[in-house]
Amino acid sequence: MTPTHFPGRVAAIPALPEQTRTPPSPKGLEEFNTAPSDEARRLLLTCLRSLSWSHRVAAHRPYPDLDSLLAASDEAAYDLSPADLSEALAGEAWPALPDETYAAAHTALSAAHAAYEARFGHSFVIYVGDAPPGEYLDRILEGIRSRLANDPEEERVVAAEELRRHARGRLVQRLGGAAGPNAPAAGA
């Protein structure tokens, strides 16, 4: 099955649920801690496309363990300014979906995404890591439709939380954690 890339900027990254993932190897974290700053920031930008977030997380190295890194990532994500959040949202991309899904879902996804961007002026982002792969599309559509009822400020808070969850999952994946076969990185 060949993945199809949709136009638009909906981001949904599947990942293993928190309780079943394998933590990154100490070597992955050790390499991150000792990498040159520009290399560490480049890796971080593949997790969340915010320059200020990547600079802040990289600047606080070394991290003694994964939990410390994830806590620093969360704190930096919670502190994103509106401009930083806009930058991070602009860096998200539509995930690859199977060809047979494309034909059935293109119209609904395109219409929902267009309505979302028209209402909020930024990309739709949702973390679907706790859903089985067969439910990703349903979760994305359900998320777009339900969040269209939010007011713009409420939605920016929800989108920021979804980005934070993405950053956590992507950090675990990039540093050698179990990503699972159905966990492509959106926006990479």
Protein backbone atom coordinates (compact mmCIF):
# COMPACT_ATOMS: atom_id res chain seq x y z
CA MET A 1 0.00 0.00 0.00
CA THR A 2 1.56 3.28 -1.13
CA PRO A 3 1.03 6.34 1.05
CA THR A 4 -0.60 9.39 -0.47
CA HIS A 5 0.30 12.86 0.70
CA PHE A 6 -2.64 15.22 0.88
CA PRO A 7 -2.36 18.91 0.20
CA GLY A 8 -3.05 21.03 3.24
CA ARG A 9 -1.63 21.09 6.70
CA VAL A 10 -3.43 18.71 9.02
CA ALA A 11 -1.04 16.98 11.34
CA ALA A 12 -1.78 13.71 13.01
CA ILE A 13 1.02 11.53 14.28
CA PRO A 14 0.26 8.09 15.54
CA ALA A 15 2.48 6.76 18.30
CA LEU A 16 2.38 4.06 20.90
CA PRO A 17 0.38 4.81 24.01
CA GLU A 18 2.51 6.11 26.91
CA GLN A 19 2.27 2.90 28.92
CA THR A 20 3.47 0.59 26.11
CA ARG A 21 6.32 2.55 24.59
CA THR A 22 9.93 1.56 25.08
CA PRO A 23 12.01 4.41 26.47
CA PRO A 24 14.84 5.72 24.32
CA SER A 25 18.14 4.02 24.78
CA PRO A 26 20.62 5.81 27.04
CA LYS A 27 22.87 6.05 23.99
CA GLY A 28 20.21 8.08 22.10
CA LEU A 29 19.82 10.51 24.99
CA GLU A 30 23.58 10.58 25.56
CA GLU A 31 24.19 11.41 21.89
CA PHE A 32 21.56 14.15 22.07
CA ASN A 33 23.14 15.58 25.23
CA THR A 34 26.63 15.69 23.69
CA ALA A 35 25.72 16.74 20.14
CA PRO A 36 26.77 20.20 18.98
CA SER A 37 24.07 22.78 19.72
CA ASP A 38 23.11 23.32 16.08
CA GLU A 39 22.71 19.55 15.56
CA ALA A 40 20.57 19.22 18.71
CA ARG A 41 18.37 22.14 17.59
CA ARG A 42 17.93 20.59 14.12
CA LEU A 43 16.76 17.34 15.72
CA LEU A 44 14.41 19.26 18.00
CA LEU A 45 12.94 21.16 15.06
CA THR A 46 11.83 17.81 13.61
CA CYS A 47 9.77 17.39 16.79
CA LEU A 48 8.26 20.88 17.01
CA ARG A 49 8.93 23.60 14.47
CA SER A 50 9.52 26.45 16.88
CA LEU A 51 12.93 28.10 16.99
CA SER A 52 12.46 29.40 20.52
CA TRP A 53 11.34 25.97 21.77
CA SER A 54 14.29 24.22 20.13
CA HIS A 55 16.79 26.76 21.48
CA ARG A 56 15.37 26.52 24.98
CA VAL A 57 15.32 22.71 25.12
CA ALA A 58 18.81 22.44 23.61
CA ALA A 59 20.21 25.08 25.96
CA HIS A 60 19.28 23.08 29.06
CA ARG A 61 21.27 19.98 28.12
CA PRO A 62 22.48 17.64 29.44
CA TYR A 63 19.37 15.85 30.66
CA PRO A 64 19.91 13.03 33.17
CA ASP A 65 17.03 10.96 31.79
CA LEU A 66 14.13 10.95 29.36
CA ASP A 67 11.63 12.18 31.94
CA SER A 68 13.76 15.29 32.52
CA LEU A 69 13.97 15.98 28.80
CA LEU A 70 10.21 15.51 28.34
CA ALA A 71 9.50 17.79 31.32
CA ALA A 72 11.73 20.49 29.81
CA SER A 73 10.03 20.00 26.44
CA ASP A 74 6.60 20.38 28.04
CA GLU A 75 7.61 23.49 29.97
CA ALA A 76 9.05 25.12 26.86
CA ALA A 77 5.92 24.20 24.88
CA TYR A 78 3.63 25.67 27.55
CA ASP A 79 5.62 28.92 27.35
CA LEU A 80 5.25 29.39 23.58
CA SER A 81 4.27 32.94 22.69
CA PRO A 82 1.45 33.46 20.18
CA ALA A 83 4.08 34.05 17.46
CA ASP A 84 5.96 30.87 18.46
CA LEU A 85 2.72 28.90 18.40
CA SER A 86 1.91 30.26 14.93
CA GLU A 87 5.39 29.27 13.76
CA ALA A 88 4.97 25.74 15.13
CA LEU A 89 1.50 25.36 13.62
CA ALA A 90 2.77 26.51 10.23
CA GLY A 91 5.39 23.73 10.34
CA GLU A 92 2.86 20.91 10.57
CA ALA A 93 1.94 18.83 7.51
CA TRP A 94 -0.77 16.43 6.48
CA PRO A 95 0.14 12.81 7.31
CA ALA A 96 0.56 10.09 4.75
CA LEU A 97 -2.55 7.96 4.44
CA PRO A 98 -3.17 4.76 2.43
CA ASP A 99 -4.34 5.22 -1.18
CA GLU A 100 -7.68 3.50 -0.64
CA THR A 101 -8.42 5.90 2.20
CA TYR A 102 -7.75 8.91 0.00
CA ALA A 103 -10.65 8.32 -2.38
CA ALA A 104 -13.17 7.83 0.40
CA ALA A 105 -12.03 10.66 2.67
CA HIS A 106 -10.61 13.40 0.43
CA THR A 107 -13.79 15.44 0.08
CA ALA A 108 -14.71 15.32 3.76
CA LEU A 109 -11.16 16.05 4.95
CA SER A 110 -10.63 18.86 2.45
CA ALA A 111 -13.91 20.56 3.32
CA ALA A 112 -13.40 20.21 7.07
CA HIS A 113 -9.82 21.44 6.85
CA ALA A 114 -10.78 24.43 4.70
CA ALA A 115 -13.50 25.38 7.18
CA TYR A 116 -11.05 25.02 10.07
CA GLU A 117 -8.34 27.17 8.45
CA ALA A 118 -10.91 29.78 7.44
CA ARG A 119 -12.21 29.97 11.01
CA PHE A 120 -8.92 29.91 12.90
CA GLY A 121 -6.30 31.04 10.39
CA HIS A 122 -3.87 28.23 11.19
CA SER A 123 -3.29 24.54 10.59
CA PHE A 124 -5.33 21.88 12.28
CA VAL A 125 -3.22 19.63 14.47
CA ILE A 126 -4.31 16.60 16.45
CA TYR A 127 -2.44 13.83 18.22
CA VAL A 128 -3.94 10.43 17.42
CA GLY A 129 -1.28 8.32 19.13
CA ASP A 130 -3.78 6.60 21.39
CA ALA A 131 -6.00 5.44 18.52
CA PRO A 132 -5.66 2.21 16.54
CA PRO A 133 -4.35 2.91 13.00
CA GLY A 134 -7.74 2.08 11.47
CA GLU A 135 -9.33 4.90 13.44
CA TYR A 136 -6.94 7.74 12.52
CA LEU A 137 -9.18 9.21 9.83
CA ASP A 138 -12.25 9.07 12.04
CA ARG A 139 -10.35 10.78 14.86
CA ILE A 140 -9.06 13.51 12.54
CA LEU A 141 -12.50 14.21 11.07
CA GLU A 142 -14.17 14.07 14.47
CA GLY A 143 -11.52 16.40 15.89
CA ILE A 144 -11.86 18.98 13.13
CA ARG A 145 -15.64 18.96 13.30
CA SER A 146 -15.88 19.21 17.07
CA ARG A 147 -13.17 21.86 17.38
CA LEU A 148 -14.84 24.09 14.79
CA ALA A 149 -17.24 24.99 17.63
CA ASN A 150 -14.39 26.43 19.74
CA ASP A 151 -13.79 30.15 19.94
CA PRO A 152 -10.41 31.19 18.46
CA GLU A 153 -8.61 31.64 21.80
CA GLU A 154 -9.91 28.33 23.15
CA GLU A 155 -8.79 26.61 19.94
CA ARG A 156 -5.26 28.05 20.16
CA VAL A 157 -5.00 26.51 23.64
CA VAL A 158 -6.20 23.14 22.34
CA ALA A 159 -3.84 23.33 19.33
CA ALA A 160 -0.92 24.20 21.62
CA GLU A 161 -1.68 21.14 23.76
CA GLU A 162 -1.82 18.92 20.67
CA LEU A 163 1.56 20.31 19.53
CA ARG A 164 3.03 19.60 22.98
CA ARG A 165 1.83 16.00 22.74
CA HIS A 166 3.35 15.72 19.25
CA ALA A 167 6.69 17.05 20.50
CA ARG A 168 6.78 14.44 23.30
CA GLY A 169 6.00 11.57 20.95
CA ARG A 170 8.47 12.74 18.35
CA LEU A 171 11.25 13.18 20.92
CA VAL A 172 10.77 9.60 22.06
CA GLN A 173 10.83 8.40 18.44
CA ARG A 174 13.88 10.47 17.42
CA LEU A 175 15.94 9.39 20.41
CA GLY A 176 15.45 5.70 19.78
CA GLY A 177 12.17 4.89 21.52
CA ALA A 178 9.71 2.44 20.04
CA ALA A 179 7.73 4.19 17.36
CA GLY A 180 5.89 1.18 16.03
CA PRO A 181 5.37 0.39 12.35
CA ASN A 182 2.36 2.68 12.04
CA ALA A 183 3.92 5.80 13.47
CA PRO A 184 5.02 8.09 10.63
CA ALA A 185 6.20 11.51 11.65
CA ALA A 186 3.95 14.19 10.21
CA GLY A 187 5.60 17.43 9.28
CA ALA A 188 9.07 15.93 9.09
